[in-house]
């Protein structure tokens, strides 16, 4: 497996982690808003950011785990 693929997966995991933290900060900040419309719009947009970033983070981690297990299984079969 090429190293660029692993580097890309790790970078994208960190980027999605950044957006997860950003979404959590945004949802906490939405509670300090006085206008109900602004609160609703900020709350739902922050929830959407959290949902997408968490989904992407989990998918990148699952993808890396599956490739790592496949590579280990392939090397173990070649050794025996």
Foldseek 3Di string as FASTA:
>chain_A
DDPVVVVVLVVLLVVLVVLLVVLVVQLVVLVPDDDPVSSVVSNVVSVVSNVVSVVSNVVSVVVVVVVVVVVVVVVVVVVD
